[in-house]
Amino acid sequence: MPGAGRAFTASPNASACGQIVFLVIATGSLVLLGVQLGAELVRGPAMSYSGAEPLLERFARWDARHYVLILEDGYGSDPVPAKRVVFFPAVPLLARGIVALTGLSPIASLLVVSHTSLVAAALLLFALLRRRDPPLDQRTATLCVLCLLLLPTGVFFRMAYTESTFLLLTVLAMYGMTTRWRPVVVAAVIGLATATRPTGVALLLPFAWYLWQRERNAPSPQPLAPSLLRVSARSLLLLPVACWGLLAYMTWLWWRFDDPVAFVTFMPRWVLRGDATLWERLSAAVTLLPLREAYDPASKAYWAVMDRTTHSVLSLRMADPVWFGGTALLILVGARQRWLNSGELLLAAGLLGIPWFLHSHASMMQSHGRYAAVVWPACLVAGQMLARIPRVLTDVLCGAAALLLVIYAAMFSARYYIL
């Protein structure tokens, strides 16, 4: 995007929202361009859904098709659940409401949820960055949002996936903590995040820190031991509220299929090493085995074993460990430079740690670039780095990210191995 660095000089606060919305539209146009290129230049097999237009179908590849099936057929027939119970219900329920109110197709309704969530998340993130501790100036905050919107693996924010809704809820919860909302309200938002993706429980870490900070900053702070007891008691009381979405889904699964953890029961059918034990997963994560295997031609986890059709430069399967590891590296830089506060560090640790320790070995790093896309504290670090380098270099980096975003969108549209 030529001139990206020069475009973000300080501007009046009244125009900030318009600027962010423009960035969402501009970067969304790049994704639309990529989807069209995938449709015109690559004649991949089409996926057909009832009532859907061909263009919309190209926004619903891979995992997205299961959300469409949930809207159309539910989670399976009693007493046997379908394996798509691993996909959590918040976004399908929102989309179903849109279908009922507007008559839109399932794919169109899912895209309405995704794009509306992304706009709201971008605006809210900008507001959060201006009010956090320490606050960012307007140009730096805008660059941080731009990093999120130009993130190549952020292509999933514009597809019929749950990433943008989950992003919105994590930003909203952190905004609530930053502006000192009542704990029960923050807990309710976190609970909705747990109904969207199981990694929503990562928000419990910064939430516990938030409760501790409220206790320590009270007008009459108690000594350490009583403070710990008070925070622990409050945390236990608020835990069911902060997990209400997960608990509600488990209760429904128990009632419908007599298996409250069906999403765990069926997970082995979705990963490449479904027989991996918890110990094997943890041991592999600690020794960084998933990263090493991904680039070892002698390993069955070698990236090219799964993706034989894509050039290595363009393969997201090859780049999954790079995006995930790069995100972790940015978080470490942010911690060292003190660009991230304690809550942001805890959130990033949870969002990265859960898939890394529980999923990286079993899935052979598949989809870990997508998992890292929602770790928005990394974009805070990237934006602050861009604010400190020459603007011509900012333009080059933004242009490269924009090009890769278009390429990933085209490959997703054409059903290459991007999921």
Protein backbone atom coordinates (compact mmCIF):
# COMPACT_ATOMS: atom_id res chain seq x y z
CA MET A 1 0.00 0.00 0.00
CA PRO A 2 2.03 2.98 -1.26
CA GLY A 3 2.24 5.91 1.08
CA ALA A 4 1.03 3.88 4.06
CA GLY A 5 3.54 5.44 6.41
CA ARG A 6 2.79 9.02 5.35
CA ALA A 7 -0.97 8.41 5.68
CA PHE A 8 -0.83 8.10 9.43
CA THR A 9 0.28 11.47 10.62
CA ALA A 10 -1.64 12.81 13.57
CA SER A 11 -5.23 13.63 12.67
CA PRO A 12 -8.11 15.09 14.67
CA ASN A 13 -9.84 12.66 17.01
CA ALA A 14 -13.15 13.35 15.26
CA SER A 15 -11.84 11.65 12.12
CA ALA A 16 -10.23 8.67 13.85
CA CYS A 17 -13.25 6.38 13.55
CA GLY A 18 -13.65 7.21 9.88
CA GLN A 19 -9.98 6.48 9.31
CA ILE A 20 -10.24 3.06 10.96
CA VAL A 21 -13.39 2.17 9.01
CA PHE A 22 -11.61 3.23 5.80
CA LEU A 23 -8.72 0.89 6.65
CA VAL A 24 -11.13 -1.99 7.23
CA ILE A 25 -12.79 -1.36 3.86
CA ALA A 26 -9.48 -0.91 2.04
CA THR A 27 -7.94 -4.10 3.40
CA GLY A 28 -11.24 -5.92 2.87
CA SER A 29 -11.07 -4.86 -0.79
CA LEU A 30 -7.72 -6.62 -1.01
CA VAL A 31 -9.33 -9.84 0.21
CA LEU A 32 -12.21 -9.43 -2.25
CA LEU A 33 -9.67 -8.91 -5.03
CA GLY A 34 -7.91 -12.11 -4.00
CA VAL A 35 -11.16 -14.08 -3.90
CA GLN A 36 -12.02 -12.84 -7.40
CA LEU A 37 -8.55 -13.72 -8.67
CA GLY A 38 -8.94 -17.19 -7.22
CA ALA A 39 -12.26 -17.52 -9.04
CA GLU A 40 -10.98 -16.22 -12.38
CA LEU A 41 -7.42 -17.52 -12.59
CA VAL A 42 -7.69 -20.86 -10.81
CA ARG A 43 -10.47 -23.23 -11.76
CA GLY A 44 -10.73 -25.20 -8.55
CA PRO A 45 -13.68 -27.49 -7.78
CA ALA A 46 -16.64 -25.49 -6.50
CA MET A 47 -18.44 -26.31 -3.29
CA SER A 48 -22.19 -26.02 -3.51
CA TYR A 49 -24.57 -24.96 -0.76
CA SER A 50 -28.28 -24.51 -1.15
CA GLY A 51 -29.31 -20.92 -1.79
CA ALA A 52 -25.73 -19.61 -1.96
CA GLU A 53 -24.28 -17.58 -4.80
CA PRO A 54 -20.99 -18.82 -6.33
CA LEU A 55 -19.02 -15.81 -5.05
CA LEU A 56 -20.23 -16.34 -1.49
CA GLU A 57 -19.25 -19.99 -1.65
CA ARG A 58 -15.64 -18.93 -2.08
CA PHE A 59 -15.72 -17.31 1.35
CA ALA A 60 -16.80 -20.61 2.93
CA ARG A 61 -14.03 -23.10 2.25
CA TRP A 62 -12.59 -25.69 4.62
CA ASP A 63 -13.78 -25.33 8.24
CA ALA A 64 -16.33 -22.69 7.21
CA ARG A 65 -18.43 -25.33 5.48
CA HIS A 66 -19.06 -26.97 8.84
CA TYR A 67 -20.53 -23.76 10.23
CA VAL A 68 -22.84 -23.70 7.22
CA LEU A 69 -23.85 -27.30 7.92
CA ILE A 70 -24.52 -26.42 11.56
CA LEU A 71 -26.88 -23.67 10.39
CA GLU A 72 -28.61 -26.02 7.97
CA ASP A 73 -28.64 -29.33 9.87
CA GLY A 74 -27.54 -28.67 13.44
CA TYR A 75 -25.03 -30.77 15.34
CA GLY A 76 -26.34 -34.19 14.42
CA SER A 77 -29.17 -36.54 15.13
CA ASP A 78 -30.00 -37.74 18.62
CA PRO A 79 -28.38 -39.79 20.08
CA VAL A 80 -25.32 -39.61 17.82
CA PRO A 81 -23.62 -36.22 17.42
CA ALA A 82 -21.81 -35.28 14.25
CA LYS A 83 -18.09 -34.68 14.52
CA ARG A 84 -18.75 -30.98 13.92
CA VAL A 85 -19.59 -30.64 17.63
CA VAL A 86 -15.97 -29.41 17.94
CA PHE A 87 -17.18 -26.11 16.43
CA PHE A 88 -18.64 -23.93 19.17
CA PRO A 89 -22.16 -22.47 18.85
CA ALA A 90 -21.99 -18.70 19.41
CA VAL A 91 -21.35 -17.65 15.81
CA PRO A 92 -23.80 -20.17 14.27
CA LEU A 93 -26.47 -18.93 16.69
CA LEU A 94 -25.82 -15.31 15.73
CA ALA A 95 -25.93 -16.22 12.05
CA ARG A 96 -29.12 -18.21 12.52
CA GLY A 97 -30.74 -15.14 14.04
CA ILE A 98 -29.75 -13.13 10.97
CA VAL A 99 -31.18 -15.83 8.70
CA ALA A 100 -34.47 -15.70 10.60
CA LEU A 101 -34.66 -11.90 10.55
CA THR A 102 -33.48 -11.20 7.02
CA GLY A 103 -33.88 -14.36 4.99
CA LEU A 104 -30.22 -14.27 3.96
CA SER A 105 -28.45 -17.51 3.08
CA PRO A 106 -26.37 -19.23 5.78
CA ILE A 107 -23.09 -18.17 4.15
CA ALA A 108 -24.21 -14.57 3.75
CA SER A 109 -25.33 -14.49 7.38
CA LEU A 110 -22.00 -15.87 8.58
CA LEU A 111 -20.20 -13.22 6.53
CA VAL A 112 -22.37 -10.49 8.04
CA VAL A 113 -21.29 -11.69 11.49
CA SER A 114 -17.62 -11.85 10.46
CA HIS A 115 -17.42 -8.43 8.81
CA THR A 116 -19.51 -6.64 11.40
CA SER A 117 -17.34 -8.13 14.12
CA LEU A 118 -14.16 -7.05 12.35
CA VAL A 119 -15.29 -3.44 12.00
CA ALA A 120 -16.30 -3.32 15.66
CA ALA A 121 -13.06 -5.02 16.75
CA ALA A 122 -10.90 -2.54 14.80
CA LEU A 123 -12.71 0.48 16.24
CA LEU A 124 -12.65 -0.91 19.75
CA LEU A 125 -8.98 -1.86 19.52
CA PHE A 126 -8.11 1.69 18.47
CA ALA A 127 -10.07 3.05 21.45
CA LEU A 128 -8.35 0.57 23.75
CA LEU A 129 -4.88 1.55 22.56
CA ARG A 130 -5.62 5.21 23.23
CA ARG A 131 -6.75 4.44 26.81
CA ARG A 132 -4.48 1.60 27.89
CA ASP A 133 -1.55 1.96 30.26
CA PRO A 134 0.63 3.28 28.76
CA PRO A 135 -1.56 4.93 26.08
CA LEU A 136 -0.41 5.13 22.47
CA ASP A 137 -0.51 8.24 20.34
CA GLN A 138 -3.00 8.30 17.48
CA ARG A 139 -0.51 7.52 14.71
CA THR A 140 1.00 4.55 16.55
CA ALA A 141 -2.43 3.23 17.52
CA THR A 142 -3.53 3.44 13.89
CA LEU A 143 -0.43 1.58 12.76
CA CYS A 144 -1.18 -1.16 15.29
CA VAL A 145 -4.69 -1.55 13.88
CA LEU A 146 -3.26 -1.53 10.36
CA CYS A 147 -0.91 -4.38 11.31
CA LEU A 148 -3.92 -6.40 12.41
CA LEU A 149 -5.90 -5.64 9.25
CA LEU A 150 -2.98 -6.34 6.90
CA LEU A 151 -1.92 -9.53 8.65
CA PRO A 152 -1.89 -12.14 5.84
CA THR A 153 -3.29 -14.89 8.08
CA GLY A 154 -5.97 -12.36 9.03
CA VAL A 155 -7.63 -13.39 5.76
CA PHE A 156 -9.78 -15.59 7.98
CA PHE A 157 -11.26 -12.49 9.61
CA ARG A 158 -13.11 -11.90 6.33
CA MET A 159 -14.25 -15.48 5.76
CA ALA A 160 -17.17 -17.43 7.22
CA TYR A 161 -15.04 -18.29 10.25
CA THR A 162 -15.23 -17.36 13.94
CA GLU A 163 -11.91 -15.51 14.13
CA SER A 164 -13.28 -11.97 13.83
CA THR A 165 -16.03 -12.54 16.40
CA PHE A 166 -13.55 -14.07 18.82
CA LEU A 167 -11.19 -11.16 18.17
CA LEU A 168 -13.97 -8.70 18.99
CA LEU A 169 -14.81 -10.42 22.27
CA THR A 170 -11.20 -10.58 23.45
CA VAL A 171 -10.71 -6.89 22.67
CA LEU A 172 -14.02 -6.04 24.34
CA ALA A 173 -13.09 -7.94 27.50
CA MET A 174 -9.70 -6.23 27.67
CA TYR A 175 -11.33 -2.85 27.01
CA GLY A 176 -13.68 -3.51 29.91
CA MET A 177 -10.76 -4.26 32.18
CA THR A 178 -8.87 -1.19 30.99
CA THR A 179 -11.82 1.11 31.67
CA ARG A 180 -12.60 -0.66 34.97
CA TRP A 181 -15.99 -2.17 34.21
CA ARG A 182 -17.67 -4.09 36.98
CA PRO A 183 -16.08 -7.56 37.22
CA VAL A 184 -19.38 -9.37 36.64
CA VAL A 185 -19.84 -7.53 33.31
CA VAL A 186 -16.32 -8.39 32.18
CA ALA A 187 -16.93 -11.99 33.26
CA ALA A 188 -20.10 -12.12 31.14
CA VAL A 189 -18.15 -10.99 28.06
CA ILE A 190 -15.50 -13.61 28.73
CA GLY A 191 -18.25 -16.20 29.04
CA LEU A 192 -19.48 -15.31 25.56
CA ALA A 193 -15.93 -15.72 24.24
CA THR A 194 -15.87 -19.27 25.66
CA ALA A 195 -19.02 -20.00 23.65
CA THR A 196 -17.22 -18.85 20.51
CA ARG A 197 -13.94 -20.74 20.77
CA PRO A 198 -12.60 -22.97 23.55
CA THR A 199 -9.48 -20.78 23.75
CA GLY A 200 -11.76 -18.12 25.23
CA VAL A 201 -10.64 -19.48 28.60
CA ALA A 202 -7.32 -17.69 27.94
CA LEU A 203 -9.11 -14.52 29.06
CA LEU A 204 -9.29 -15.92 32.58
CA LEU A 205 -5.60 -15.12 33.06
CA PRO A 206 -5.83 -11.34 32.51
CA PHE A 207 -9.19 -11.36 34.32
CA ALA A 208 -7.59 -12.82 37.46
CA TRP A 209 -4.89 -10.14 37.19
CA TYR A 210 -7.59 -7.50 36.82
CA LEU A 211 -9.31 -8.65 40.00
CA TRP A 212 -5.99 -8.57 41.82
CA GLN A 213 -5.22 -5.05 40.62
CA ARG A 214 -8.66 -3.85 41.70
CA GLU A 215 -8.05 -5.24 45.15
CA ARG A 216 -4.58 -3.74 45.47
CA ASN A 217 -5.72 -0.34 44.18
CA ALA A 218 -8.73 -0.14 46.46
CA PRO A 219 -9.04 2.98 48.66
CA SER A 220 -8.16 0.88 51.70
CA PRO A 221 -5.97 -1.99 50.44
CA GLN A 222 -5.67 -5.00 52.73
CA PRO A 223 -2.43 -6.81 53.64
CA LEU A 224 -1.20 -9.42 51.19
CA ALA A 225 -2.78 -12.53 52.72
CA PRO A 226 -6.30 -11.09 53.17
CA SER A 227 -6.08 -9.61 49.66
CA LEU A 228 -5.25 -13.00 48.20
CA LEU A 229 -8.16 -14.57 50.04
CA ARG A 230 -10.58 -11.90 48.84
CA VAL A 231 -9.42 -12.18 45.23
CA SER A 232 -9.53 -15.97 45.35
CA ALA A 233 -13.05 -15.95 46.76
CA ARG A 234 -14.25 -13.43 44.18
CA SER A 235 -12.59 -15.39 41.37
CA LEU A 236 -14.35 -18.58 42.42
CA LEU A 237 -17.69 -16.79 42.54
CA LEU A 238 -17.18 -15.23 39.12
CA LEU A 239 -15.73 -18.34 37.45
CA PRO A 240 -19.14 -19.78 36.43
CA VAL A 241 -20.06 -16.39 34.94
CA ALA A 242 -16.74 -16.17 33.09
CA CYS A 243 -17.30 -19.67 31.67
CA TRP A 244 -21.06 -19.49 31.14
CA GLY A 245 -20.80 -20.04 27.39
CA LEU A 246 -18.66 -23.13 27.73
CA LEU A 247 -20.82 -24.47 30.56
CA ALA A 248 -24.02 -23.84 28.59
CA TYR A 249 -22.65 -25.71 25.58
CA MET A 250 -21.52 -28.61 27.77
CA THR A 251 -24.95 -28.74 29.42
CA TRP A 252 -26.67 -28.83 26.03
CA LEU A 253 -24.33 -31.58 24.79
CA TRP A 254 -25.08 -33.58 27.93
CA TRP A 255 -28.83 -33.16 27.44
CA ARG A 256 -28.78 -33.86 23.69
CA PHE A 257 -26.05 -36.48 23.31
CA ASP A 258 -25.34 -37.64 26.87
CA ASP A 259 -21.73 -36.44 26.48
CA PRO A 260 -20.92 -33.01 27.97
CA VAL A 261 -17.41 -33.06 26.50
CA ALA A 262 -18.32 -34.30 23.03
CA PHE A 263 -16.15 -31.54 21.55
CA VAL A 264 -13.18 -33.24 23.25
CA THR A 265 -14.38 -36.76 22.42
CA PHE A 266 -14.53 -35.99 18.70
CA MET A 267 -11.36 -33.89 18.49
CA PRO A 268 -9.10 -36.88 17.60
CA ARG A 269 -11.05 -37.18 14.33
CA TRP A 270 -9.91 -33.69 13.35
CA VAL A 271 -6.20 -33.89 14.06
CA LEU A 272 -3.52 -35.77 12.18
CA ARG A 273 -2.27 -37.58 15.28
CA GLY A 274 -5.54 -38.40 16.97
CA ASP A 275 -3.94 -41.10 19.11
CA ALA A 276 -1.40 -38.75 20.72
CA THR A 277 -1.66 -38.81 24.51
CA LEU A 278 -1.65 -35.68 26.65
CA TRP A 279 1.83 -36.53 27.88
CA GLU A 280 3.12 -36.90 24.31
CA ARG A 281 1.62 -33.52 23.40
CA LEU A 282 3.12 -31.75 26.40
CA SER A 283 6.51 -33.40 25.97
CA ALA A 284 6.65 -32.50 22.29
CA ALA A 285 5.66 -28.89 23.02
CA VAL A 286 8.34 -28.48 25.68
CA THR A 287 11.05 -29.79 23.36
CA LEU A 288 9.82 -27.70 20.39
CA LEU A 289 9.35 -30.92 18.43
CA PRO A 290 6.42 -29.61 16.30
CA LEU A 291 8.60 -26.79 14.93
CA ARG A 292 11.48 -29.12 14.13
CA GLU A 293 9.31 -31.78 12.52
CA ALA A 294 7.58 -29.27 10.24
CA TYR A 295 10.85 -28.73 8.35
CA ASP A 296 12.30 -32.23 8.57
CA PRO A 297 11.81 -34.03 5.21
CA ALA A 298 12.17 -37.38 6.98
CA SER A 299 9.20 -36.70 9.28
CA LYS A 300 5.59 -37.47 8.45
CA ALA A 301 4.85 -34.01 9.92
CA TYR A 302 6.92 -32.35 7.16
CA TRP A 303 4.84 -29.54 5.68
CA ALA A 304 5.09 -30.79 2.07
CA VAL A 305 3.58 -34.17 3.01
CA MET A 306 0.22 -32.45 3.53
CA ASP A 307 0.52 -29.74 0.87
CA ARG A 308 1.92 -31.14 -2.37
CA THR A 309 0.22 -28.64 -4.67
CA THR A 310 1.51 -25.27 -3.43
CA HIS A 311 4.90 -23.70 -4.00
CA SER A 312 6.82 -23.44 -0.73
CA VAL A 313 6.89 -19.62 -0.87
CA LEU A 314 3.09 -19.48 -0.99
CA SER A 315 2.18 -22.48 1.16
CA LEU A 316 0.46 -21.56 4.42
CA ARG A 317 1.13 -25.12 5.57
CA MET A 318 4.84 -24.36 5.28
CA ALA A 319 4.42 -20.93 6.88
CA ASP A 320 2.17 -21.98 9.79
CA PRO A 321 5.14 -22.49 12.16
CA VAL A 322 6.67 -19.20 10.95
CA TRP A 323 3.54 -17.17 11.67
CA PHE A 324 3.05 -18.84 15.04
CA GLY A 325 6.70 -18.57 16.04
CA GLY A 326 6.91 -15.01 14.75
CA THR A 327 3.92 -14.03 16.85
CA ALA A 328 5.54 -15.54 19.95
CA LEU A 329 8.76 -13.65 19.13
CA LEU A 330 6.87 -10.35 18.88
CA ILE A 331 5.32 -11.00 22.28
CA LEU A 332 8.79 -11.61 23.75
CA VAL A 333 10.03 -8.35 22.19
CA GLY A 334 7.02 -6.54 23.62
CA ALA A 335 7.74 -7.95 27.06
CA ARG A 336 11.43 -7.01 26.89
CA GLN A 337 10.73 -3.49 25.67
CA ARG A 338 7.80 -3.11 28.08
CA TRP A 339 5.51 -2.24 25.20
CA LEU A 340 2.89 -4.66 26.52
CA ASN A 341 1.26 -4.41 29.91
CA SER A 342 0.68 -7.36 32.23
CA GLY A 343 -2.85 -8.07 31.04
CA GLU A 344 -1.82 -8.13 27.38
CA LEU A 345 1.10 -10.44 28.14
CA LEU A 346 -1.14 -12.83 30.05
CA LEU A 347 -3.71 -12.85 27.25
CA ALA A 348 -1.05 -13.55 24.62
CA ALA A 349 0.45 -16.31 26.76
CA GLY A 350 -2.92 -18.01 27.01
CA LEU A 351 -3.87 -17.62 23.34
CA LEU A 352 -0.50 -19.01 22.24
CA GLY A 353 0.01 -21.54 25.01
CA ILE A 354 -3.30 -23.40 24.72
CA PRO A 355 -2.91 -24.45 21.05
CA TRP A 356 0.83 -24.94 21.44
CA PHE A 357 0.74 -27.33 24.39
CA LEU A 358 -2.51 -29.12 23.56
CA HIS A 359 -2.68 -29.10 19.78
CA SER A 360 0.64 -28.44 17.99
CA HIS A 361 1.95 -32.02 18.12
CA ALA A 362 -1.38 -33.69 17.36
CA SER A 363 -2.16 -31.34 14.45
CA MET A 364 1.45 -31.17 13.17
CA MET A 365 1.23 -27.34 13.37
CA GLN A 366 -1.71 -27.26 10.96
CA SER A 367 -3.77 -24.03 11.29
CA HIS A 368 -1.39 -22.52 13.84
CA GLY A 369 -0.88 -19.46 11.67
CA ARG A 370 -4.64 -18.89 11.89
CA TYR A 371 -4.60 -19.46 15.65
CA ALA A 372 -1.90 -16.81 15.99
CA ALA A 373 -3.92 -14.25 14.00
CA VAL A 374 -6.17 -13.53 17.00
CA VAL A 375 -3.18 -12.80 19.27
CA TRP A 376 -3.63 -9.08 18.75
CA PRO A 377 -1.07 -7.97 21.39
CA ALA A 378 1.54 -8.97 18.79
CA CYS A 379 0.12 -6.26 16.51
CA LEU A 380 0.69 -3.73 19.29
CA VAL A 381 4.37 -4.63 19.17
CA ALA A 382 4.51 -4.61 15.36
CA GLY A 383 2.78 -1.22 15.20
CA GLN A 384 5.19 0.32 17.68
CA MET A 385 8.11 -1.08 15.68
CA LEU A 386 6.71 0.45 12.48
CA ALA A 387 6.35 3.80 14.24
CA ARG A 388 10.09 3.76 14.95
CA ILE A 389 11.47 2.89 11.50
CA PRO A 390 11.79 5.05 8.34
CA ARG A 391 8.44 5.57 6.65
CA VAL A 392 9.67 4.22 3.33
CA LEU A 393 10.40 0.91 5.05
CA THR A 394 6.92 1.01 6.59
CA ASP A 395 5.49 1.39 3.08
CA VAL A 396 7.51 -1.57 1.80
CA LEU A 397 6.45 -3.83 4.65
CA CYS A 398 2.79 -2.82 4.33
CA GLY A 399 2.93 -3.45 0.59
CA ALA A 400 4.45 -6.90 1.08
CA ALA A 401 1.79 -7.79 3.66
CA ALA A 402 -0.97 -6.54 1.34
CA LEU A 403 0.37 -8.66 -1.54
CA LEU A 404 0.50 -11.78 0.62
CA LEU A 405 -3.02 -11.06 1.92
CA VAL A 406 -4.29 -11.03 -1.69
CA ILE A 407 -2.42 -14.25 -2.46
CA TYR A 408 -3.79 -16.08 0.58
CA ALA A 409 -7.31 -14.93 -0.26
CA ALA A 410 -6.93 -16.18 -3.85
CA MET A 411 -5.60 -19.53 -2.69
CA PHE A 412 -8.36 -19.90 -0.12
CA SER A 413 -10.93 -19.12 -2.80
CA ALA A 414 -9.43 -21.69 -5.15
CA ARG A 415 -9.40 -24.36 -2.42
CA TYR A 416 -5.68 -24.62 -1.95
CA TYR A 417 -4.50 -26.02 1.36
CA ILE A 418 -5.25 -22.96 3.50
CA LEU A 419 -7.25 -23.60 6.65
